């Protein structure tokens, strides 16, 4: 059996209980060494076979899985954050389907959640933004034509950029070409929830300059939008005048 496990946003204790249990039981662990906190490997038992996929191709990863399966071993494929976001696990699952190898997926805490925690912020605020766009700046890997950053930025809602820290000059231009003004609040969150986490508040107009001055070139998320400002409306859910299925409001 192959278990695709979300490692969480960085801190070793932010993996799920299910994920930690599988790591403890695994005979083979294949982990994304470029992003996964190596402290998570301390869950592994003595004798567990460990592979760093940062040095491997897709085909090499699948060969390790196939060999483990043939030997009756249990494998954990440990992905950073949640595998469903930039995890490249669909292509692995398709090849496992071709081989008739069973697998499942254990969700994890995504780094965009870790970034919000680091910022002590709420992405969805009444009358500010009720939508979150998770995307990235186009680099060597293209994005679909309808998802160019300036097009996504035209909505003006909360945005979180993955995999874009080294492309902030271009990203800043694209964001400003959308609906964001130079003074729109933004923040760079470096290694959210890791021991060396850092937060750099800024604006859309100073994103590239802030990253350059801080020396941040990778392993960071870019958060953008009015949710980082001070103004928002109170939630109606807890408004004493508002009626819903669990409580009658005072205005009635």
C-alpha atoms as a PDB file:
ATOM      1  CA  UNK A   1       0.000   0.000   0.000  1.00  0.00           C
ATOM      2  CA  UNK A   2       1.202   3.502  -0.849  1.00  0.00           C
ATOM      3  CA  UNK A   3       0.108   6.374   1.389  1.00  0.00           C
ATOM      4  CA  UNK A   4       0.455   9.912   0.028  1.00  0.00           C
ATOM      5  CA  UNK A   5       0.777  11.992   3.192  1.00  0.00           C
ATOM      6  CA  UNK A   6       0.635  15.756   3.580  1.00  0.00           C
ATOM      7  CA  UNK A   7       3.566  16.734   5.794  1.00  0.00           C
ATOM      8  CA  UNK A   8       1.952  19.976   6.932  1.00  0.00           C
ATOM      9  CA  UNK A   9       3.140  23.537   6.584  1.00  0.00           C
ATOM     10  CA  UNK A  10       6.557  23.101   8.192  1.00  0.00           C
ATOM     11  CA  UNK A  11       6.527  22.465  11.931  1.00  0.00           C
ATOM     12  CA  UNK A  12       6.966  18.760  12.645  1.00  0.00           C
ATOM     13  CA  UNK A  13       4.012  18.702  15.051  1.00  0.00           C
ATOM     14  CA  UNK A  14       1.607  20.125  12.467  1.00  0.00           C
ATOM     15  CA  UNK A  15       1.358  16.836  10.602  1.00  0.00           C
ATOM     16  CA  UNK A  16      -1.986  15.099  11.170  1.00  0.00           C
ATOM     17  CA  UNK A  17      -2.299  12.318  13.736  1.00  0.00           C
ATOM     18  CA  UNK A  18      -3.018   9.888  10.890  1.00  0.00           C
ATOM     19  CA  UNK A  19       0.028  11.059   8.959  1.00  0.00           C
ATOM     20  CA  UNK A  20       2.327  10.702  11.969  1.00  0.00           C
ATOM     21  CA  UNK A  21       1.014   7.185  12.660  1.00  0.00           C
ATOM     22  CA  UNK A  22       1.713   6.133   9.072  1.00  0.00           C
ATOM     23  CA  UNK A  23       5.247   7.549   9.267  1.00  0.00           C
ATOM     24  CA  UNK A  24       5.838   5.488  12.405  1.00  0.00           C
ATOM     25  CA  UNK A  25       4.629   2.324  10.657  1.00  0.00           C
ATOM     26  CA  UNK A  26       6.266   2.884   7.254  1.00  0.00           C
ATOM     27  CA  UNK A  27       8.843   0.464   5.881  1.00  0.00           C
ATOM     28  CA  UNK A  28       9.772   2.951   3.144  1.00  0.00           C
ATOM     29  CA  UNK A  29       9.498   6.760   3.166  1.00  0.00           C
ATOM     30  CA  UNK A  30       9.960   8.870   0.042  1.00  0.00           C
ATOM     31  CA  UNK A  31       9.987  12.522   1.058  1.00  0.00           C
ATOM     32  CA  UNK A  32      10.202  15.797  -0.860  1.00  0.00           C
ATOM     33  CA  UNK A  33      13.552  16.846   0.585  1.00  0.00           C
ATOM     34  CA  UNK A  34      13.570  20.305  -0.970  1.00  0.00           C
ATOM     35  CA  UNK A  35      10.587  21.400   1.125  1.00  0.00           C
ATOM     36  CA  UNK A  36       9.671  18.869   3.829  1.00  0.00           C
ATOM     37  CA  UNK A  37      11.060  19.533   7.295  1.00  0.00           C
ATOM     38  CA  UNK A  38      13.598  16.717   7.940  1.00  0.00           C
ATOM     39  CA  UNK A  39      12.485  16.654  11.580  1.00  0.00           C
ATOM     40  CA  UNK A  40       9.461  14.700  10.371  1.00  0.00           C
ATOM     41  CA  UNK A  41      11.744  11.778   9.586  1.00  0.00           C
ATOM     42  CA  UNK A  42      12.233  11.329  13.332  1.00  0.00           C
ATOM     43  CA  UNK A  43       8.819   9.630  13.336  1.00  0.00           C
ATOM     44  CA  UNK A  44      10.340   6.778  11.292  1.00  0.00           C
ATOM     45  CA  UNK A  45      11.310   3.541  13.052  1.00  0.00           C
ATOM     46  CA  UNK A  46      14.839   2.165  13.004  1.00  0.00           C
ATOM     47  CA  UNK A  47      15.518   0.349   9.764  1.00  0.00           C
ATOM     48  CA  UNK A  48      13.022   2.318   7.716  1.00  0.00           C
ATOM     49  CA  UNK A  49      14.272   2.865   4.159  1.00  0.00           C
ATOM     50  CA  UNK A  50      14.307   6.600   3.381  1.00  0.00           C
ATOM     51  CA  UNK A  51      14.597   8.262  -0.046  1.00  0.00           C
ATOM     52  CA  UNK A  52      14.903  11.978  -0.836  1.00  0.00           C
ATOM     53  CA  UNK A  53      12.841  12.615  -3.982  1.00  0.00           C
ATOM     54  CA  UNK A  54      14.565  15.964  -4.593  1.00  0.00           C
ATOM     55  CA  UNK A  55      17.273  13.914  -6.324  1.00  0.00           C
ATOM     56  CA  UNK A  56      14.886  11.567  -8.134  1.00  0.00           C
ATOM     57  CA  UNK A  57      12.791  11.547 -11.298  1.00  0.00           C
ATOM     58  CA  UNK A  58       9.143  10.486 -11.395  1.00  0.00           C
ATOM     59  CA  UNK A  59      10.160   7.148 -12.862  1.00  0.00           C
ATOM     60  CA  UNK A  60      12.703   6.551 -10.088  1.00  0.00           C
ATOM     61  CA  UNK A  61      10.090   7.316  -7.431  1.00  0.00           C
ATOM     62  CA  UNK A  62       7.684   4.811  -8.985  1.00  0.00           C
ATOM     63  CA  UNK A  63      10.401   2.143  -9.184  1.00  0.00           C
ATOM     64  CA  UNK A  64      11.023   2.474  -5.432  1.00  0.00           C
ATOM     65  CA  UNK A  65       7.276   2.150  -4.805  1.00  0.00           C
ATOM     66  CA  UNK A  66       7.017  -0.901  -7.055  1.00  0.00           C
ATOM     67  CA  UNK A  67       9.970  -2.609  -5.361  1.00  0.00           C
ATOM     68  CA  UNK A  68       8.504  -1.933  -1.913  1.00  0.00           C
ATOM     69  CA  UNK A  69       5.120  -3.252  -2.979  1.00  0.00           C
ATOM     70  CA  UNK A  70       6.667  -6.413  -4.445  1.00  0.00           C
ATOM     71  CA  UNK A  71       8.421  -6.993  -1.112  1.00  0.00           C
ATOM     72  CA  UNK A  72       5.182  -6.560   0.842  1.00  0.00           C
ATOM     73  CA  UNK A  73       6.320  -3.298   2.404  1.00  0.00           C
ATOM     74  CA  UNK A  74       4.264  -0.218   3.282  1.00  0.00           C
ATOM     75  CA  UNK A  75       5.361   3.064   1.695  1.00  0.00           C
ATOM     76  CA  UNK A  76       4.698   6.655   2.714  1.00  0.00           C
ATOM     77  CA  UNK A  77       5.142   9.291   0.012  1.00  0.00           C
ATOM     78  CA  UNK A  78       5.614  12.427   2.102  1.00  0.00           C
ATOM     79  CA  UNK A  79       4.642  15.669   0.374  1.00  0.00           C
ATOM     80  CA  UNK A  80       4.993  19.190   1.703  1.00  0.00           C
ATOM     81  CA  UNK A  81       1.846  20.960   2.929  1.00  0.00           C
ATOM     82  CA  UNK A  82      -1.177  19.273   1.380  1.00  0.00           C
ATOM     83  CA  UNK A  83      -0.483  17.072  -1.666  1.00  0.00           C
ATOM     84  CA  UNK A  84      -3.374  18.611  -3.620  1.00  0.00           C
ATOM     85  CA  UNK A  85      -1.557  21.962  -3.994  1.00  0.00           C
ATOM     86  CA  UNK A  86       1.506  21.895  -6.252  1.00  0.00           C
ATOM     87  CA  UNK A  87       2.206  18.373  -5.038  1.00  0.00           C
ATOM     88  CA  UNK A  88       2.614  16.687  -8.448  1.00  0.00           C
ATOM     89  CA  UNK A  89       0.998  13.564  -7.009  1.00  0.00           C
ATOM     90  CA  UNK A  90      -1.644  13.037  -9.712  1.00  0.00           C
ATOM     91  CA  UNK A  91       1.010  11.784 -12.142  1.00  0.00           C
ATOM     92  CA  UNK A  92       2.262   9.332  -9.513  1.00  0.00           C
ATOM     93  CA  UNK A  93      -1.250   8.034  -8.848  1.00  0.00           C
ATOM     94  CA  UNK A  94      -1.909   7.550 -12.570  1.00  0.00           C
ATOM     95  CA  UNK A  95       1.218   5.402 -12.914  1.00  0.00           C
ATOM     96  CA  UNK A  96       0.276   3.410  -9.806  1.00  0.00           C
ATOM     97  CA  UNK A  97      -3.150   2.811 -11.371  1.00  0.00           C
ATOM     98  CA  UNK A  98      -1.413   1.395 -14.436  1.00  0.00           C
ATOM     99  CA  UNK A  99       0.569  -0.945 -12.189  1.00  0.00           C
ATOM    100  CA  UNK A 100      -2.495  -1.975 -10.180  1.00  0.00           C
ATOM    101  CA  UNK A 101      -0.932  -0.709  -6.936  1.00  0.00           C
ATOM    102  CA  UNK A 102      -3.311   0.515  -4.234  1.00  0.00           C
ATOM    103  CA  UNK A 103      -2.873   3.922  -2.603  1.00  0.00           C
ATOM    104  CA  UNK A 104      -4.670   6.524  -0.553  1.00  0.00           C
ATOM    105  CA  UNK A 105      -4.180  10.196   0.318  1.00  0.00           C
ATOM    106  CA  UNK A 106      -3.869  11.771   3.762  1.00  0.00           C
ATOM    107  CA  UNK A 107      -4.489  15.540   3.641  1.00  0.00           C
ATOM    108  CA  UNK A 108      -2.163  17.988   5.347  1.00  0.00           C
ATOM    109  CA  UNK A 109      -2.085  21.567   6.591  1.00  0.00           C
ATOM    110  CA  UNK A 110      -1.146  23.689   3.589  1.00  0.00           C
ATOM    111  CA  UNK A 111       1.479  26.396   3.924  1.00  0.00           C
ATOM    112  CA  UNK A 112      -1.118  29.006   2.920  1.00  0.00           C
ATOM    113  CA  UNK A 113      -2.879  28.135   6.189  1.00  0.00           C
ATOM    114  CA  UNK A 114       0.448  28.345   7.999  1.00  0.00           C
ATOM    115  CA  UNK A 115       1.049  31.776   6.478  1.00  0.00           C
ATOM    116  CA  UNK A 116      -2.311  33.057   7.738  1.00  0.00           C
ATOM    117  CA  UNK A 117      -1.419  31.762  11.201  1.00  0.00           C
ATOM    118  CA  UNK A 118       1.949  33.528  11.058  1.00  0.00           C
ATOM    119  CA  UNK A 119       0.187  36.753  10.047  1.00  0.00           C
ATOM    120  CA  UNK A 120      -2.571  36.250  12.654  1.00  0.00           C
ATOM    121  CA  UNK A 121      -4.884  37.069   9.786  1.00  0.00           C
ATOM    122  CA  UNK A 122      -8.187  35.900   8.293  1.00  0.00           C
ATOM    123  CA  UNK A 123      -8.265  35.634   4.497  1.00  0.00           C
ATOM    124  CA  UNK A 124     -12.038  36.085   4.254  1.00  0.00           C
ATOM    125  CA  UNK A 125     -13.364  39.219   5.926  1.00  0.00           C
ATOM    126  CA  UNK A 126     -16.907  40.599   5.520  1.00  0.00           C
ATOM    127  CA  UNK A 127     -17.060  43.409   2.964  1.00  0.00           C
ATOM    128  CA  UNK A 128     -13.324  43.023   2.213  1.00  0.00           C
ATOM    129  CA  UNK A 129     -12.854  39.685   0.473  1.00  0.00           C
ATOM    130  CA  UNK A 130     -14.853  36.473   0.406  1.00  0.00           C
ATOM    131  CA  UNK A 131     -12.620  34.653  -2.062  1.00  0.00           C
ATOM    132  CA  UNK A 132      -9.023  33.433  -2.011  1.00  0.00           C
ATOM    133  CA  UNK A 133      -7.036  32.898  -5.207  1.00  0.00           C
ATOM    134  CA  UNK A 134      -4.116  30.501  -4.839  1.00  0.00           C
ATOM    135  CA  UNK A 135      -1.822  30.729  -7.831  1.00  0.00           C
ATOM    136  CA  UNK A 136       1.755  31.410  -8.935  1.00  0.00           C
ATOM    137  CA  UNK A 137       3.758  33.609 -11.240  1.00  0.00           C
ATOM    138  CA  UNK A 138       4.562  32.052 -14.586  1.00  0.00           C
ATOM    139  CA  UNK A 139       8.224  31.111 -14.881  1.00  0.00           C
ATOM    140  CA  UNK A 140       9.953  28.247 -16.662  1.00  0.00           C
ATOM    141  CA  UNK A 141       6.791  26.233 -16.060  1.00  0.00           C
ATOM    142  CA  UNK A 142       3.886  27.866 -17.931  1.00  0.00           C
ATOM    143  CA  UNK A 143       0.376  28.492 -16.619  1.00  0.00           C
ATOM    144  CA  UNK A 144      -2.825  28.136 -18.696  1.00  0.00           C
ATOM    145  CA  UNK A 145      -3.601  31.192 -20.827  1.00  0.00           C
ATOM    146  CA  UNK A 146      -6.697  32.057 -18.816  1.00  0.00           C
ATOM    147  CA  UNK A 147      -4.718  32.049 -15.557  1.00  0.00           C
ATOM    148  CA  UNK A 148      -2.025  34.628 -16.212  1.00  0.00           C
ATOM    149  CA  UNK A 149      -1.314  36.544 -13.032  1.00  0.00           C
ATOM    150  CA  UNK A 150      -2.630  39.907 -14.228  1.00  0.00           C
ATOM    151  CA  UNK A 151      -5.887  38.210 -15.192  1.00  0.00           C
ATOM    152  CA  UNK A 152      -6.229  36.604 -11.765  1.00  0.00           C
ATOM    153  CA  UNK A 153      -5.254  39.896 -10.101  1.00  0.00           C
ATOM    154  CA  UNK A 154      -8.108  41.672 -11.878  1.00  0.00           C
ATOM    155  CA  UNK A 155     -10.525  40.302  -9.255  1.00  0.00           C
ATOM    156  CA  UNK A 156      -8.854  42.248  -6.442  1.00  0.00           C
ATOM    157  CA  UNK A 157      -9.652  39.613  -3.835  1.00  0.00           C
ATOM    158  CA  UNK A 158      -7.298  37.902  -1.398  1.00  0.00           C
ATOM    159  CA  UNK A 159      -4.405  36.259  -3.226  1.00  0.00           C
ATOM    160  CA  UNK A 160      -1.685  33.844  -2.138  1.00  0.00           C
ATOM    161  CA  UNK A 161       1.259  33.233  -4.452  1.00  0.00           C
ATOM    162  CA  UNK A 162       3.194  29.997  -4.290  1.00  0.00           C
ATOM    163  CA  UNK A 163       6.516  29.376  -6.047  1.00  0.00           C
ATOM    164  CA  UNK A 164       6.967  33.021  -6.968  1.00  0.00           C
ATOM    165  CA  UNK A 165       9.537  34.527  -4.592  1.00  0.00           C
ATOM    166  CA  UNK A 166      12.341  34.446  -7.166  1.00  0.00           C
ATOM    167  CA  UNK A 167      10.050  36.139  -9.715  1.00  0.00           C
ATOM    168  CA  UNK A 168       8.809  39.063  -7.655  1.00  0.00           C
ATOM    169  CA  UNK A 169       9.884  41.795 -10.071  1.00  0.00           C
ATOM    170  CA  UNK A 170       7.624  40.301 -12.749  1.00  0.00           C
ATOM    171  CA  UNK A 171       4.918  39.347 -10.255  1.00  0.00           C
ATOM    172  CA  UNK A 172       4.750  42.888  -8.915  1.00  0.00           C
ATOM    173  CA  UNK A 173       4.242  44.258 -12.424  1.00  0.00           C
ATOM    174  CA  UNK A 174       1.467  41.752 -13.122  1.00  0.00           C
ATOM    175  CA  UNK A 175      -0.311  42.458  -9.837  1.00  0.00           C
ATOM    176  CA  UNK A 176      -0.252  46.201 -10.510  1.00  0.00           C
ATOM    177  CA  UNK A 177      -1.587  45.574 -14.004  1.00  0.00           C
ATOM    178  CA  UNK A 178      -4.578  43.909 -12.350  1.00  0.00           C
ATOM    179  CA  UNK A 179      -6.827  45.443  -9.703  1.00  0.00           C
ATOM    180  CA  UNK A 180      -4.227  46.099  -7.001  1.00  0.00           C
ATOM    181  CA  UNK A 181      -2.901  49.557  -6.213  1.00  0.00           C
ATOM    182  CA  UNK A 182       0.735  50.170  -5.157  1.00  0.00           C
ATOM    183  CA  UNK A 183      -0.418  50.718  -1.549  1.00  0.00           C
ATOM    184  CA  UNK A 184      -2.466  47.498  -1.384  1.00  0.00           C
ATOM    185  CA  UNK A 185      -1.299  45.613   1.740  1.00  0.00           C
ATOM    186  CA  UNK A 186       0.911  42.581   1.201  1.00  0.00           C
ATOM    187  CA  UNK A 187       3.228  40.361   3.195  1.00  0.00           C
ATOM    188  CA  UNK A 188       6.031  37.925   2.487  1.00  0.00           C
ATOM    189  CA  UNK A 189       5.948  34.921   4.820  1.00  0.00           C
ATOM    190  CA  UNK A 190       9.221  33.005   4.849  1.00  0.00           C
ATOM    191  CA  UNK A 191       9.064  29.340   5.947  1.00  0.00           C
ATOM    192  CA  UNK A 192       5.671  29.587   7.647  1.00  0.00           C
ATOM    193  CA  UNK A 193       5.505  27.599  10.911  1.00  0.00           C
ATOM    194  CA  UNK A 194       9.174  26.519  10.701  1.00  0.00           C
ATOM    195  CA  UNK A 195      11.438  27.459  13.642  1.00  0.00           C
ATOM    196  CA  UNK A 196      13.056  30.165  11.484  1.00  0.00           C
ATOM    197  CA  UNK A 197       9.765  31.645  10.245  1.00  0.00           C
ATOM    198  CA  UNK A 198       9.883  35.333   9.298  1.00  0.00           C
ATOM    199  CA  UNK A 199       7.158  37.771   8.253  1.00  0.00           C
ATOM    200  CA  UNK A 200       7.845  40.851   6.145  1.00  0.00           C
ATOM    201  CA  UNK A 201       4.853  43.229   5.874  1.00  0.00           C
ATOM    202  CA  UNK A 202       4.897  45.450   2.806  1.00  0.00           C
ATOM    203  CA  UNK A 203       2.678  46.628  -0.046  1.00  0.00           C
ATOM    204  CA  UNK A 204       2.194  45.420  -3.595  1.00  0.00           C
ATOM    205  CA  UNK A 205       4.358  48.302  -4.753  1.00  0.00           C
ATOM    206  CA  UNK A 206       7.250  47.279  -2.492  1.00  0.00           C
ATOM    207  CA  UNK A 207       7.130  43.481  -2.799  1.00  0.00           C
ATOM    208  CA  UNK A 208      10.298  43.045  -4.840  1.00  0.00           C
ATOM    209  CA  UNK A 209      12.216  45.644  -2.824  1.00  0.00           C
ATOM    210  CA  UNK A 210      11.167  44.036   0.477  1.00  0.00           C
ATOM    211  CA  UNK A 211      12.265  40.564  -0.620  1.00  0.00           C
ATOM    212  CA  UNK A 212      15.573  41.929  -1.910  1.00  0.00           C
ATOM    213  CA  UNK A 213      16.330  43.798   1.322  1.00  0.00           C
ATOM    214  CA  UNK A 214      15.361  40.775   3.434  1.00  0.00           C
ATOM    215  CA  UNK A 215      17.417  38.411   1.298  1.00  0.00           C
ATOM    216  CA  UNK A 216      14.414  36.138   0.717  1.00  0.00           C
ATOM    217  CA  UNK A 217      14.746  34.205  -2.538  1.00  0.00           C
ATOM    218  CA  UNK A 218      12.722  31.024  -1.985  1.00  0.00           C
ATOM    219  CA  UNK A 219      10.592  29.022   0.469  1.00  0.00           C
ATOM    220  CA  UNK A 220       8.181  31.912   0.990  1.00  0.00           C
ATOM    221  CA  UNK A 221       4.565  32.714   0.258  1.00  0.00           C
ATOM    222  CA  UNK A 222       3.322  36.072  -0.973  1.00  0.00           C
ATOM    223  CA  UNK A 223       0.005  37.213   0.489  1.00  0.00           C
ATOM    224  CA  UNK A 224      -1.897  40.139  -1.004  1.00  0.00           C
ATOM    225  CA  UNK A 225      -5.107  41.975  -0.260  1.00  0.00           C
ATOM    226  CA  UNK A 226      -7.248  44.141   1.967  1.00  0.00           C
ATOM    227  CA  UNK A 227      -7.515  41.358   4.555  1.00  0.00           C
ATOM    228  CA  UNK A 228      -4.152  42.632   5.811  1.00  0.00           C
ATOM    229  CA  UNK A 229      -5.648  46.072   6.446  1.00  0.00           C
ATOM    230  CA  UNK A 230      -7.594  47.268   9.474  1.00  0.00           C
ATOM    231  CA  UNK A 231     -11.100  47.840   8.097  1.00  0.00           C
ATOM    232  CA  UNK A 232     -13.793  45.152   7.852  1.00  0.00           C
ATOM    233  CA  UNK A 233     -17.419  44.557   8.807  1.00  0.00           C
ATOM    234  CA  UNK A 234     -18.454  42.508  11.794  1.00  0.00           C
ATOM    235  CA  UNK A 235     -19.634  38.963  10.987  1.00  0.00           C
ATOM    236  CA  UNK A 236     -23.427  38.708  10.904  1.00  0.00           C
ATOM    237  CA  UNK A 237     -23.225  35.144  12.229  1.00  0.00           C
ATOM    238  CA  UNK A 238     -22.487  36.414  15.743  1.00  0.00           C
ATOM    239  CA  UNK A 239     -24.458  39.661  15.498  1.00  0.00           C
ATOM    240  CA  UNK A 240     -27.128  39.636  18.229  1.00  0.00           C
ATOM    241  CA  UNK A 241     -29.625  41.173  15.797  1.00  0.00           C
ATOM    242  CA  UNK A 242     -29.171  38.445  13.166  1.00  0.00           C
ATOM    243  CA  UNK A 243     -31.459  35.402  13.073  1.00  0.00           C
ATOM    244  CA  UNK A 244     -30.301  32.010  11.802  1.00  0.00           C
ATOM    245  CA  UNK A 245     -31.356  28.376  12.289  1.00  0.00           C
ATOM    246  CA  UNK A 246     -29.678  28.089  15.707  1.00  0.00           C
ATOM    247  CA  UNK A 247     -30.579  31.452  17.247  1.00  0.00           C
ATOM    248  CA  UNK A 248     -33.274  34.120  17.047  1.00  0.00           C
ATOM    249  CA  UNK A 249     -32.007  37.666  16.618  1.00  0.00           C
ATOM    250  CA  UNK A 250     -33.048  40.523  18.864  1.00  0.00           C
ATOM    251  CA  UNK A 251     -34.428  42.534  15.945  1.00  0.00           C
ATOM    252  CA  UNK A 252     -37.247  40.015  15.641  1.00  0.00           C
END
